[in-house]
Amino acid sequence: MIRNYGKPFPAAVIYPDAIYRIAGSGRRLGLTFDDGPDPGSTPGILDILDSHNVKATFFCTGMKVQEQPGLFARIAASGHATGNHGFSHLNGLKTPVREYCSDVLRGRDITCSNLFRPPYGRIRVRQYRILERSTRIVFWDLMPYDFDCTLSPDASRRILMQRLRPGSLIVLHDTPSSSSLHYLDSFITEALRHGYTFSLPDDYSAGA
């Protein structure tokens, strides 16, 4: 597998006005989780975040929200932000424009969020232009491949720490295959020790 730990390519080139980082100065980070809510991983992630009083953004699929409404409610009740990851996690490059946009808007209605992260970071130009009219499209600039079962949790954590920088918008996953639960607590502890703080979507920066 060819891994790109930074901004998704070619999205970062084609859509420079999308959101990739945290705005402003200072040692601020954005912590996000994709693909949930998942009963096997999301509760543990929430417990760790709560123990540090750190807030994150959860980009949820509409289908999973329908399956786990109580868990979705817990995310919001804990003070975290929620975003839309489509209803059924479609790959924009493999899905017709109308079908893709309909799926995304269905997810928006269920998550009640105008933040949208394209699954896989893959979205066609026409899809993007339609959806940017009613959503804030959010990518990332740091991906430690916590979902890759061929990468150990220690290796994923090293990637995260080595590439961390002020303004990093980090994407992890709350899925059964994710290794994020193995190192989330130690990562947050170390980030806080180095003077980092964690920001929510109001600080996300377009075009950065």
N, C-alpha and C. Protein backbone atom coordinates (compact mmCIF):
# COMPACT_ATOMS: atom_id res chain seq x y z
N MET A 1 0.84 -1.20 0.00
CA MET A 1 0.00 0.00 0.00
C MET A 1 0.87 1.25 0.00
N ILE A 2 0.55 2.18 -0.91
CA ILE A 2 1.23 3.47 -0.92
C ILE A 2 0.50 4.39 0.04
N ARG A 3 1.20 4.90 1.03
CA ARG A 3 0.57 5.71 2.06
C ARG A 3 0.93 7.19 1.89
N ASN A 4 -0.06 8.03 2.00
CA ASN A 4 0.14 9.47 2.00
C ASN A 4 -0.33 9.98 3.36
N TYR A 5 0.62 10.40 4.20
CA TYR A 5 0.29 10.78 5.57
C TYR A 5 -0.17 12.23 5.68
N GLY A 6 -0.09 12.98 4.60
CA GLY A 6 -0.46 14.39 4.65
C GLY A 6 -1.80 14.66 3.99
N LYS A 7 -1.94 15.85 3.41
CA LYS A 7 -3.19 16.21 2.75
C LYS A 7 -3.54 15.19 1.67
N PRO A 8 -4.83 14.88 1.51
CA PRO A 8 -5.22 13.89 0.50
C PRO A 8 -4.90 14.40 -0.91
N PHE A 9 -4.35 13.53 -1.71
CA PHE A 9 -4.00 13.86 -3.09
C PHE A 9 -4.92 13.06 -4.01
N PRO A 10 -5.48 13.67 -5.07
CA PRO A 10 -5.21 15.03 -5.58
C PRO A 10 -6.14 16.10 -5.04
N ALA A 11 -6.97 15.77 -4.04
CA ALA A 11 -7.95 16.74 -3.55
C ALA A 11 -7.30 18.06 -3.16
N ALA A 12 -6.14 18.00 -2.50
CA ALA A 12 -5.49 19.22 -2.02
C ALA A 12 -5.09 20.14 -3.16
N VAL A 13 -4.86 19.57 -4.33
CA VAL A 13 -4.49 20.37 -5.51
C VAL A 13 -5.73 20.89 -6.22
N ILE A 14 -6.76 20.05 -6.35
CA ILE A 14 -7.96 20.41 -7.10
C ILE A 14 -8.87 21.34 -6.31
N TYR A 15 -8.90 21.15 -4.97
CA TYR A 15 -9.82 21.92 -4.12
C TYR A 15 -9.04 22.70 -3.05
N PRO A 16 -8.26 23.69 -3.46
CA PRO A 16 -7.43 24.41 -2.49
C PRO A 16 -8.23 25.23 -1.49
N ASP A 17 -9.53 25.49 -1.79
CA ASP A 17 -10.34 26.30 -0.89
C ASP A 17 -11.09 25.47 0.15
N ALA A 18 -10.88 24.15 0.14
CA ALA A 18 -11.48 23.30 1.17
C ALA A 18 -10.71 23.48 2.49
N ILE A 19 -11.17 22.80 3.52
CA ILE A 19 -10.56 22.91 4.84
C ILE A 19 -9.59 21.76 5.06
N TYR A 20 -8.35 22.10 5.44
CA TYR A 20 -7.32 21.09 5.69
C TYR A 20 -6.64 21.28 7.05
N ARG A 21 -6.72 22.48 7.63
CA ARG A 21 -5.96 22.76 8.85
C ARG A 21 -6.76 23.60 9.82
N ILE A 22 -6.16 23.88 10.97
CA ILE A 22 -6.73 24.74 11.99
C ILE A 22 -6.23 26.16 11.76
N ALA A 23 -7.12 27.11 11.88
CA ALA A 23 -6.75 28.50 11.60
C ALA A 23 -6.00 29.13 12.75
N GLY A 24 -5.31 30.23 12.44
CA GLY A 24 -4.70 31.06 13.46
C GLY A 24 -3.35 30.56 13.94
N SER A 25 -2.83 31.28 14.91
CA SER A 25 -1.52 30.97 15.47
C SER A 25 -1.69 30.12 16.72
N GLY A 26 -0.57 29.70 17.28
CA GLY A 26 -0.61 28.91 18.50
C GLY A 26 -0.54 27.42 18.20
N ARG A 27 -0.36 26.64 19.26
CA ARG A 27 -0.18 25.19 19.12
C ARG A 27 -1.54 24.49 19.23
N ARG A 28 -2.36 24.73 18.22
CA ARG A 28 -3.70 24.15 18.22
C ARG A 28 -3.78 22.98 17.25
N LEU A 29 -4.58 21.99 17.63
CA LEU A 29 -4.80 20.81 16.81
C LEU A 29 -6.30 20.58 16.64
N GLY A 30 -6.65 19.92 15.57
CA GLY A 30 -8.02 19.46 15.38
C GLY A 30 -8.02 17.94 15.34
N LEU A 31 -8.77 17.33 16.24
CA LEU A 31 -8.83 15.87 16.32
C LEU A 31 -10.18 15.41 15.80
N THR A 32 -10.18 14.55 14.78
CA THR A 32 -11.42 14.09 14.18
C THR A 32 -11.43 12.57 14.07
N PHE A 33 -12.65 12.03 14.07
CA PHE A 33 -12.84 10.59 13.94
C PHE A 33 -13.87 10.32 12.84
N ASP A 34 -13.55 9.40 11.95
CA ASP A 34 -14.42 9.06 10.83
C ASP A 34 -15.05 7.69 10.99
N ASP A 35 -16.20 7.52 10.34
CA ASP A 35 -16.84 6.22 10.05
C ASP A 35 -17.76 5.69 11.13
N GLY A 36 -17.84 6.32 12.29
CA GLY A 36 -18.71 5.81 13.35
C GLY A 36 -20.13 6.34 13.22
N PRO A 37 -20.89 6.23 14.33
CA PRO A 37 -20.47 5.69 15.63
C PRO A 37 -20.46 4.16 15.64
N ASP A 38 -19.50 3.61 16.38
CA ASP A 38 -19.32 2.16 16.45
C ASP A 38 -19.38 1.72 17.91
N PRO A 39 -20.23 0.76 18.25
CA PRO A 39 -20.39 0.37 19.66
C PRO A 39 -19.15 -0.27 20.26
N GLY A 40 -18.26 -0.79 19.40
CA GLY A 40 -17.06 -1.43 19.92
C GLY A 40 -15.91 -0.48 20.18
N SER A 41 -15.93 0.70 19.58
CA SER A 41 -14.79 1.61 19.73
C SER A 41 -15.16 3.02 20.18
N THR A 42 -16.29 3.53 19.74
CA THR A 42 -16.65 4.91 20.08
C THR A 42 -16.77 5.15 21.58
N PRO A 43 -17.40 4.26 22.37
CA PRO A 43 -17.49 4.53 23.81
C PRO A 43 -16.12 4.65 24.47
N GLY A 44 -15.16 3.80 24.10
CA GLY A 44 -13.82 3.90 24.67
C GLY A 44 -13.13 5.19 24.28
N ILE A 45 -13.32 5.61 23.05
CA ILE A 45 -12.75 6.88 22.60
C ILE A 45 -13.35 8.04 23.38
N LEU A 46 -14.65 8.02 23.57
CA LEU A 46 -15.31 9.08 24.33
C LEU A 46 -14.81 9.11 25.77
N ASP A 47 -14.62 7.95 26.37
CA ASP A 47 -14.11 7.90 27.74
C ASP A 47 -12.73 8.55 27.85
N ILE A 48 -11.85 8.25 26.88
CA ILE A 48 -10.51 8.83 26.89
C ILE A 48 -10.57 10.34 26.70
N LEU A 49 -11.35 10.79 25.74
CA LEU A 49 -11.49 12.23 25.50
C LEU A 49 -12.03 12.93 26.74
N ASP A 50 -13.03 12.34 27.35
CA ASP A 50 -13.62 12.96 28.55
C ASP A 50 -12.61 13.03 29.69
N SER A 51 -11.76 12.00 29.81
CA SER A 51 -10.79 11.99 30.90
C SER A 51 -9.77 13.12 30.79
N HIS A 52 -9.56 13.61 29.56
CA HIS A 52 -8.61 14.71 29.33
C HIS A 52 -9.33 16.04 29.10
N ASN A 53 -10.67 16.01 29.11
CA ASN A 53 -11.46 17.20 28.78
C ASN A 53 -11.09 17.75 27.41
N VAL A 54 -10.89 16.84 26.46
CA VAL A 54 -10.55 17.20 25.09
C VAL A 54 -11.78 16.96 24.21
N LYS A 55 -12.05 17.91 23.33
CA LYS A 55 -13.18 17.79 22.42
C LYS A 55 -12.69 17.47 21.01
N ALA A 56 -13.48 16.66 20.31
CA ALA A 56 -13.14 16.23 18.96
C ALA A 56 -14.36 16.38 18.06
N THR A 57 -14.15 16.15 16.78
CA THR A 57 -15.24 16.16 15.81
C THR A 57 -15.41 14.76 15.25
N PHE A 58 -16.63 14.26 15.28
CA PHE A 58 -16.93 12.91 14.79
C PHE A 58 -17.70 13.01 13.47
N PHE A 59 -17.06 12.58 12.39
CA PHE A 59 -17.72 12.55 11.08
C PHE A 59 -18.40 11.19 10.94
N CYS A 60 -19.72 11.21 11.10
CA CYS A 60 -20.50 9.97 11.19
C CYS A 60 -21.23 9.68 9.88
N THR A 61 -21.42 8.42 9.59
CA THR A 61 -22.25 8.04 8.45
C THR A 61 -23.70 7.97 8.92
N GLY A 62 -24.61 8.39 8.05
CA GLY A 62 -26.02 8.38 8.41
C GLY A 62 -26.52 6.99 8.75
N MET A 63 -26.00 5.98 8.05
CA MET A 63 -26.43 4.62 8.31
C MET A 63 -26.06 4.18 9.72
N LYS A 64 -24.84 4.51 10.15
CA LYS A 64 -24.41 4.14 11.49
C LYS A 64 -25.19 4.92 12.56
N VAL A 65 -25.50 6.17 12.27
CA VAL A 65 -26.29 6.96 13.22
C VAL A 65 -27.66 6.33 13.43
N GLN A 66 -28.27 5.87 12.35
CA GLN A 66 -29.56 5.21 12.47
C GLN A 66 -29.46 3.93 13.28
N GLU A 67 -28.33 3.23 13.16
CA GLU A 67 -28.14 1.99 13.91
C GLU A 67 -27.80 2.24 15.37
N GLN A 68 -27.14 3.38 15.66
CA GLN A 68 -26.66 3.68 17.01
C GLN A 68 -27.10 5.09 17.45
N PRO A 69 -28.40 5.35 17.51
CA PRO A 69 -28.83 6.71 17.86
C PRO A 69 -28.41 7.13 19.26
N GLY A 70 -28.40 6.20 20.21
CA GLY A 70 -27.99 6.55 21.56
C GLY A 70 -26.54 6.94 21.64
N LEU A 71 -25.70 6.26 20.89
CA LEU A 71 -24.27 6.56 20.88
C LEU A 71 -24.02 7.90 20.20
N PHE A 72 -24.75 8.17 19.14
CA PHE A 72 -24.64 9.47 18.48
C PHE A 72 -25.06 10.58 19.43
N ALA A 73 -26.12 10.34 20.19
CA ALA A 73 -26.57 11.33 21.17
C ALA A 73 -25.52 11.55 22.25
N ARG A 74 -24.82 10.48 22.64
CA ARG A 74 -23.77 10.62 23.66
C ARG A 74 -22.63 11.50 23.14
N ILE A 75 -22.26 11.35 21.87
CA ILE A 75 -21.21 12.18 21.29
C ILE A 75 -21.57 13.66 21.45
N ALA A 76 -22.78 14.01 21.05
CA ALA A 76 -23.21 15.40 21.12
C ALA A 76 -23.34 15.87 22.57
N ALA A 77 -23.89 15.02 23.43
CA ALA A 77 -24.09 15.40 24.83
C ALA A 77 -22.77 15.62 25.56
N SER A 78 -21.69 14.99 25.08
CA SER A 78 -20.38 15.15 25.69
C SER A 78 -19.67 16.41 25.24
N GLY A 79 -20.30 17.18 24.37
CA GLY A 79 -19.73 18.45 23.93
C GLY A 79 -18.87 18.37 22.69
N HIS A 80 -18.87 17.22 22.03
CA HIS A 80 -18.10 17.07 20.80
C HIS A 80 -18.91 17.57 19.61
N ALA A 81 -18.22 17.93 18.55
CA ALA A 81 -18.89 18.32 17.32
C ALA A 81 -19.18 17.09 16.48
N THR A 82 -20.20 17.17 15.65
CA THR A 82 -20.51 16.07 14.74
C THR A 82 -20.50 16.59 13.31
N GLY A 83 -20.11 15.71 12.41
CA GLY A 83 -20.07 16.04 11.01
C GLY A 83 -20.68 14.91 10.19
N ASN A 84 -20.86 15.17 8.93
CA ASN A 84 -21.49 14.24 7.99
C ASN A 84 -20.42 13.54 7.17
N HIS A 85 -20.49 12.22 7.13
CA HIS A 85 -19.56 11.41 6.33
C HIS A 85 -20.32 10.64 5.25
N GLY A 86 -21.43 11.25 4.83
CA GLY A 86 -22.30 10.59 3.87
C GLY A 86 -23.23 9.61 4.57
N PHE A 87 -24.25 9.17 3.87
CA PHE A 87 -25.14 8.18 4.47
C PHE A 87 -24.52 6.80 4.44
N SER A 88 -23.95 6.43 3.31
CA SER A 88 -23.46 5.05 3.16
C SER A 88 -21.99 4.97 2.74
N HIS A 89 -21.22 6.04 2.99
CA HIS A 89 -19.76 6.00 2.80
C HIS A 89 -19.38 5.64 1.36
N LEU A 90 -19.89 6.42 0.42
CA LEU A 90 -19.62 6.16 -0.99
C LEU A 90 -18.30 6.79 -1.43
N ASN A 91 -17.66 6.15 -2.38
CA ASN A 91 -16.47 6.68 -3.04
C ASN A 91 -16.92 7.58 -4.18
N GLY A 92 -16.64 8.87 -4.06
CA GLY A 92 -17.11 9.82 -5.06
C GLY A 92 -16.61 9.55 -6.47
N LEU A 93 -15.41 8.99 -6.59
CA LEU A 93 -14.84 8.74 -7.91
C LEU A 93 -15.50 7.55 -8.59
N LYS A 94 -16.22 6.74 -7.83
CA LYS A 94 -16.85 5.55 -8.39
C LYS A 94 -18.37 5.64 -8.40
N THR A 95 -18.90 6.82 -8.06
CA THR A 95 -20.34 6.97 -7.91
C THR A 95 -20.84 8.11 -8.79
N PRO A 96 -21.94 7.91 -9.54
CA PRO A 96 -22.50 9.00 -10.35
C PRO A 96 -22.82 10.23 -9.50
N VAL A 97 -22.73 11.38 -10.11
CA VAL A 97 -22.87 12.65 -9.39
C VAL A 97 -24.18 12.73 -8.62
N ARG A 98 -25.28 12.44 -9.28
CA ARG A 98 -26.59 12.57 -8.64
C ARG A 98 -26.72 11.63 -7.45
N GLU A 99 -26.30 10.39 -7.63
CA GLU A 99 -26.39 9.39 -6.56
C GLU A 99 -25.53 9.80 -5.37
N TYR A 100 -24.32 10.27 -5.67
CA TYR A 100 -23.40 10.65 -4.60
C TYR A 100 -23.94 11.84 -3.80
N CYS A 101 -24.36 12.87 -4.49
CA CYS A 101 -24.84 14.06 -3.80
C CYS A 101 -26.10 13.76 -2.99
N SER A 102 -26.98 12.91 -3.53
CA SER A 102 -28.17 12.52 -2.80
C SER A 102 -27.81 11.78 -1.51
N ASP A 103 -26.80 10.92 -1.58
CA ASP A 103 -26.36 10.18 -0.40
C ASP A 103 -25.77 11.12 0.64
N VAL A 104 -24.98 12.08 0.21
CA VAL A 104 -24.37 13.04 1.13
C VAL A 104 -25.44 13.89 1.81
N LEU A 105 -26.41 14.36 1.04
CA LEU A 105 -27.45 15.21 1.61
C LEU A 105 -28.36 14.42 2.55
N ARG A 106 -28.54 13.14 2.26
CA ARG A 106 -29.29 12.29 3.20
C ARG A 106 -28.52 12.17 4.52
N GLY A 107 -27.21 12.00 4.42
CA GLY A 107 -26.39 11.96 5.62
C GLY A 107 -26.44 13.27 6.38
N ARG A 108 -26.45 14.37 5.66
CA ARG A 108 -26.53 15.69 6.31
C ARG A 108 -27.82 15.83 7.10
N ASP A 109 -28.92 15.37 6.53
CA ASP A 109 -30.21 15.49 7.21
C ASP A 109 -30.24 14.66 8.49
N ILE A 110 -29.56 13.52 8.48
CA ILE A 110 -29.57 12.65 9.66
C ILE A 110 -28.60 13.15 10.74
N THR A 111 -27.42 13.60 10.32
CA THR A 111 -26.44 14.08 11.30
C THR A 111 -26.71 15.52 11.72
N CYS A 112 -27.56 16.21 10.97
CA CYS A 112 -27.89 17.62 11.26
C CYS A 112 -26.63 18.49 11.28
N SER A 113 -25.72 18.22 10.35
CA SER A 113 -24.45 18.96 10.31
C SER A 113 -24.16 19.39 8.88
N ASN A 114 -23.67 20.63 8.73
CA ASN A 114 -23.26 21.08 7.41
C ASN A 114 -21.76 20.89 7.18
N LEU A 115 -21.07 20.21 8.12
CA LEU A 115 -19.69 19.81 7.89
C LEU A 115 -19.69 18.48 7.14
N PHE A 116 -18.96 18.40 6.07
CA PHE A 116 -18.93 17.16 5.30
C PHE A 116 -17.49 16.75 4.99
N ARG A 117 -17.16 15.53 5.35
CA ARG A 117 -15.87 14.96 4.96
C ARG A 117 -16.10 13.87 3.93
N PRO A 118 -15.57 14.04 2.72
CA PRO A 118 -15.75 13.02 1.69
C PRO A 118 -15.09 11.70 2.09
N PRO A 119 -15.83 10.60 2.08
CA PRO A 119 -15.21 9.30 2.37
C PRO A 119 -14.01 9.05 1.45
N TYR A 120 -12.94 8.53 2.01
CA TYR A 120 -11.69 8.24 1.30
C TYR A 120 -11.00 9.51 0.80
N GLY A 121 -11.58 10.69 1.05
CA GLY A 121 -11.03 11.91 0.50
C GLY A 121 -11.19 12.02 -1.00
N ARG A 122 -12.17 11.28 -1.53
CA ARG A 122 -12.34 11.21 -2.99
C ARG A 122 -13.69 11.78 -3.40
N ILE A 123 -13.63 12.81 -4.23
CA ILE A 123 -14.83 13.50 -4.66
C ILE A 123 -14.56 14.16 -6.01
N ARG A 124 -15.50 14.03 -6.92
CA ARG A 124 -15.35 14.64 -8.25
C ARG A 124 -15.60 16.14 -8.19
N VAL A 125 -15.10 16.84 -9.20
CA VAL A 125 -15.24 18.29 -9.24
C VAL A 125 -16.71 18.69 -9.25
N ARG A 126 -17.54 18.04 -10.06
CA ARG A 126 -18.96 18.39 -10.13
C ARG A 126 -19.64 18.13 -8.79
N GLN A 127 -19.32 17.04 -8.14
CA GLN A 127 -19.88 16.74 -6.83
C GLN A 127 -19.49 17.82 -5.82
N TYR A 128 -18.22 18.18 -5.85
CA TYR A 128 -17.71 19.19 -4.94
C TYR A 128 -18.43 20.52 -5.14
N ARG A 129 -18.59 20.94 -6.39
CA ARG A 129 -19.19 22.24 -6.67
C ARG A 129 -20.66 22.27 -6.25
N ILE A 130 -21.35 21.16 -6.36
CA ILE A 130 -22.74 21.11 -5.91
C ILE A 130 -22.81 21.16 -4.39
N LEU A 131 -21.98 20.36 -3.73
CA LEU A 131 -22.07 20.23 -2.28
C LEU A 131 -21.50 21.42 -1.53
N GLU A 132 -20.56 22.14 -2.13
CA GLU A 132 -19.99 23.29 -1.41
C GLU A 132 -21.01 24.42 -1.24
N ARG A 133 -22.12 24.35 -1.98
CA ARG A 133 -23.15 25.38 -1.84
C ARG A 133 -23.86 25.29 -0.49
N SER A 134 -23.90 24.10 0.09
CA SER A 134 -24.66 23.92 1.33
C SER A 134 -23.87 23.24 2.44
N THR A 135 -22.59 22.95 2.21
CA THR A 135 -21.79 22.28 3.24
C THR A 135 -20.39 22.91 3.31
N ARG A 136 -19.73 22.73 4.46
CA ARG A 136 -18.32 23.06 4.58
C ARG A 136 -17.56 21.75 4.39
N ILE A 137 -16.74 21.67 3.36
CA ILE A 137 -16.06 20.42 3.02
C ILE A 137 -14.72 20.38 3.73
N VAL A 138 -14.54 19.35 4.55
CA VAL A 138 -13.40 19.24 5.46
C VAL A 138 -12.57 18.01 5.10
N PHE A 139 -11.30 18.22 4.80
CA PHE A 139 -10.38 17.11 4.58
C PHE A 139 -9.50 16.97 5.83
N TRP A 140 -8.21 16.91 5.67
CA TRP A 140 -7.29 16.78 6.80
C TRP A 140 -5.88 17.07 6.30
N ASP A 141 -4.91 17.16 7.22
CA ASP A 141 -3.52 17.27 6.78
C ASP A 141 -2.61 16.28 7.52
N LEU A 142 -3.22 15.38 8.31
CA LEU A 142 -2.42 14.36 8.99
C LEU A 142 -3.23 13.08 9.14
N MET A 143 -2.76 12.04 8.49
CA MET A 143 -3.43 10.73 8.46
C MET A 143 -2.43 9.66 8.88
N PRO A 144 -2.51 9.12 10.12
CA PRO A 144 -1.55 8.12 10.57
C PRO A 144 -1.94 6.68 10.26
N TYR A 145 -2.95 6.50 9.41
CA TYR A 145 -3.34 5.16 8.93
C TYR A 145 -3.65 4.20 10.08
N ASP A 146 -4.43 4.70 11.03
CA ASP A 146 -4.85 3.84 12.14
C ASP A 146 -5.77 2.71 11.70
N PHE A 147 -6.36 2.85 10.51
CA PHE A 147 -7.28 1.83 9.99
C PHE A 147 -6.56 0.69 9.27
N ASP A 148 -5.27 0.84 9.03
CA ASP A 148 -4.49 -0.13 8.24
C ASP A 148 -4.02 -1.26 9.16
N CYS A 149 -4.60 -2.43 8.97
CA CYS A 149 -4.28 -3.57 9.85
C CYS A 149 -2.85 -4.08 9.65
N THR A 150 -2.18 -3.68 8.58
CA THR A 150 -0.79 -4.10 8.37
C THR A 150 0.19 -3.18 9.09
N LEU A 151 -0.33 -2.11 9.69
CA LEU A 151 0.51 -1.14 10.40
C LEU A 151 0.23 -1.29 11.90
N SER A 152 1.26 -1.52 12.68
CA SER A 152 1.07 -1.73 14.12
C SER A 152 0.61 -0.44 14.79
N PRO A 153 -0.06 -0.55 15.94
CA PRO A 153 -0.44 0.66 16.68
C PRO A 153 0.76 1.55 17.01
N ASP A 154 1.88 0.94 17.37
CA ASP A 154 3.08 1.73 17.68
C ASP A 154 3.58 2.49 16.47
N ALA A 155 3.52 1.85 15.30
CA ALA A 155 3.97 2.50 14.07
C ALA A 155 3.04 3.66 13.71
N SER A 156 1.75 3.46 13.86
CA SER A 156 0.78 4.52 13.57
C SER A 156 0.98 5.70 14.53
N ARG A 157 1.23 5.39 15.78
CA ARG A 157 1.45 6.46 16.76
C ARG A 157 2.73 7.24 16.44
N ARG A 158 3.78 6.54 16.03
CA ARG A 158 5.03 7.23 15.67
C ARG A 158 4.81 8.19 14.50
N ILE A 159 4.05 7.74 13.51
CA ILE A 159 3.75 8.60 12.37
C ILE A 159 3.04 9.86 12.85
N LEU A 160 2.07 9.67 13.73
CA LEU A 160 1.30 10.80 14.25
C LEU A 160 2.20 11.79 14.98
N MET A 161 3.05 11.30 15.86
CA MET A 161 3.89 12.19 16.65
C MET A 161 4.98 12.86 15.80
N GLN A 162 5.54 12.13 14.85
CA GLN A 162 6.62 12.68 14.03
C GLN A 162 6.12 13.78 13.09
N ARG A 163 4.88 13.68 12.65
CA ARG A 163 4.35 14.62 11.67
C ARG A 163 3.46 15.70 12.28
N LEU A 164 3.25 15.62 13.57
CA LEU A 164 2.41 16.60 14.25
C LEU A 164 3.04 17.98 14.18
N ARG A 165 2.24 18.99 13.96
CA ARG A 165 2.71 20.37 13.91
C ARG A 165 1.55 21.29 14.29
N PRO A 166 1.83 22.51 14.71
CA PRO A 166 0.74 23.43 15.03
C PRO A 166 -0.20 23.60 13.84
N GLY A 167 -1.47 23.48 14.10
CA GLY A 167 -2.48 23.60 13.05
C GLY A 167 -2.90 22.28 12.43
N SER A 168 -2.29 21.18 12.85
CA SER A 168 -2.62 19.88 12.24
C SER A 168 -4.09 19.52 12.46
N LEU A 169 -4.74 19.11 11.39
CA LEU A 169 -6.10 18.57 11.44
C LEU A 169 -5.96 17.06 11.22
N ILE A 170 -6.18 16.30 12.29
CA ILE A 170 -5.86 14.88 12.34
C ILE A 170 -7.11 14.06 12.07
N VAL A 171 -6.98 13.01 11.25
CA VAL A 171 -8.10 12.09 11.06
C VAL A 171 -7.73 10.71 11.60
N LEU A 172 -8.54 10.26 12.57
CA LEU A 172 -8.50 8.90 13.08
C LEU A 172 -9.86 8.26 12.81
N HIS A 173 -10.06 7.04 13.26
CA HIS A 173 -11.30 6.34 12.95
C HIS A 173 -11.85 5.65 14.20
N ASP A 174 -13.17 5.68 14.34
CA ASP A 174 -13.81 4.90 15.40
C ASP A 174 -14.53 3.72 14.75
N THR A 175 -13.69 2.75 14.39
CA THR A 175 -14.14 1.52 13.73
C THR A 175 -13.46 0.33 14.40
N PRO A 176 -14.00 -0.88 14.21
CA PRO A 176 -13.39 -2.06 14.83
C PRO A 176 -11.95 -2.29 14.40
N SER A 177 -11.59 -1.92 13.17
CA SER A 177 -10.25 -2.18 12.67
C SER A 177 -9.24 -1.12 13.06
N SER A 178 -9.69 0.00 13.63
CA SER A 178 -8.78 1.10 13.95
C SER A 178 -7.92 0.77 15.16
N SER A 179 -6.67 1.22 15.10
CA SER A 179 -5.75 1.05 16.24
C SER A 179 -5.73 2.27 17.15
N SER A 180 -6.58 3.26 16.87
CA SER A 180 -6.51 4.53 17.61
C SER A 180 -6.74 4.36 19.11
N LEU A 181 -7.58 3.42 19.49
CA LEU A 181 -7.84 3.20 20.92
C LEU A 181 -6.58 2.77 21.67
N HIS A 182 -5.64 2.14 20.96
CA HIS A 182 -4.43 1.64 21.61
C HIS A 182 -3.50 2.78 22.03
N TYR A 183 -3.56 3.91 21.34
CA TYR A 183 -2.60 4.97 21.65
C TYR A 183 -3.23 6.34 21.86
N LEU A 184 -4.55 6.44 21.80
CA LEU A 184 -5.19 7.75 21.92
C LEU A 184 -4.85 8.42 23.25
N ASP A 185 -4.91 7.67 24.33
CA ASP A 185 -4.64 8.26 25.65
C ASP A 185 -3.21 8.79 25.74
N SER A 186 -2.25 8.00 25.30
CA SER A 186 -0.85 8.44 25.39
C SER A 186 -0.57 9.58 24.42
N PHE A 187 -1.21 9.56 23.26
CA PHE A 187 -1.03 10.66 22.31
C PHE A 187 -1.53 11.97 22.90
N ILE A 188 -2.73 11.97 23.45
CA ILE A 188 -3.29 13.20 24.02
C ILE A 188 -2.43 13.68 25.18
N THR A 189 -2.00 12.76 26.03
CA THR A 189 -1.14 13.12 27.16
C THR A 189 0.12 13.82 26.69
N GLU A 190 0.76 13.27 25.67
CA GLU A 190 2.01 13.86 25.18
C GLU A 190 1.75 15.18 24.47
N ALA A 191 0.67 15.25 23.69
CA ALA A 191 0.35 16.50 22.99
C ALA A 191 0.10 17.62 24.00
N LEU A 192 -0.66 17.34 25.04
CA LEU A 192 -0.92 18.35 26.06
C LEU A 192 0.36 18.76 26.79
N ARG A 193 1.23 17.79 27.02
CA ARG A 193 2.50 18.06 27.70
C ARG A 193 3.37 19.01 26.87
N HIS A 194 3.23 18.93 25.55
CA HIS A 194 4.00 19.80 24.66
C HIS A 194 3.28 21.12 24.37
N GLY A 195 2.22 21.39 25.10
CA GLY A 195 1.56 22.68 24.98
C GLY A 195 0.51 22.80 23.92
N TYR A 196 0.10 21.68 23.34
CA TYR A 196 -0.96 21.71 22.33
C TYR A 196 -2.33 21.82 22.99
N THR A 197 -3.26 22.44 22.29
CA THR A 197 -4.66 22.44 22.67
C THR A 197 -5.47 21.90 21.50
N PHE A 198 -6.71 21.53 21.76
CA PHE A 198 -7.55 20.91 20.72
C PHE A 198 -8.74 21.79 20.42
N SER A 199 -8.95 22.06 19.12
CA SER A 199 -9.97 22.99 18.68
C SER A 199 -11.11 22.27 17.96
N LEU A 200 -12.27 22.93 17.93
CA LEU A 200 -13.45 22.41 17.25
C LEU A 200 -13.67 23.17 15.93
N PRO A 201 -14.70 22.85 15.16
CA PRO A 201 -14.82 23.35 13.79
C PRO A 201 -14.78 24.85 13.57
N ASP A 202 -15.14 25.65 14.56
CA ASP A 202 -15.09 27.11 14.37
C ASP A 202 -13.68 27.59 14.04
N ASP A 203 -12.68 26.79 14.39
CA ASP A 203 -11.28 27.16 14.13
C ASP A 203 -10.71 26.49 12.88
N TYR A 204 -11.54 25.69 12.18
CA TYR A 204 -11.03 25.05 10.97
C TYR A 204 -10.82 26.13 9.90
N SER A 205 -9.75 25.97 9.13
CA SER A 205 -9.35 27.02 8.20
C SER A 205 -9.46 26.57 6.76
N ALA A 206 -10.23 27.29 5.96
CA ALA A 206 -10.36 26.99 4.53
C ALA A 206 -9.10 27.45 3.79
N GLY A 207 -8.65 26.61 2.89
CA GLY A 207 -7.55 26.97 2.02
C GLY A 207 -6.18 26.99 2.67
N ALA A 208 -6.07 26.49 3.90
CA ALA A 208 -4.77 26.52 4.58
C ALA A 208 -3.95 25.30 4.24
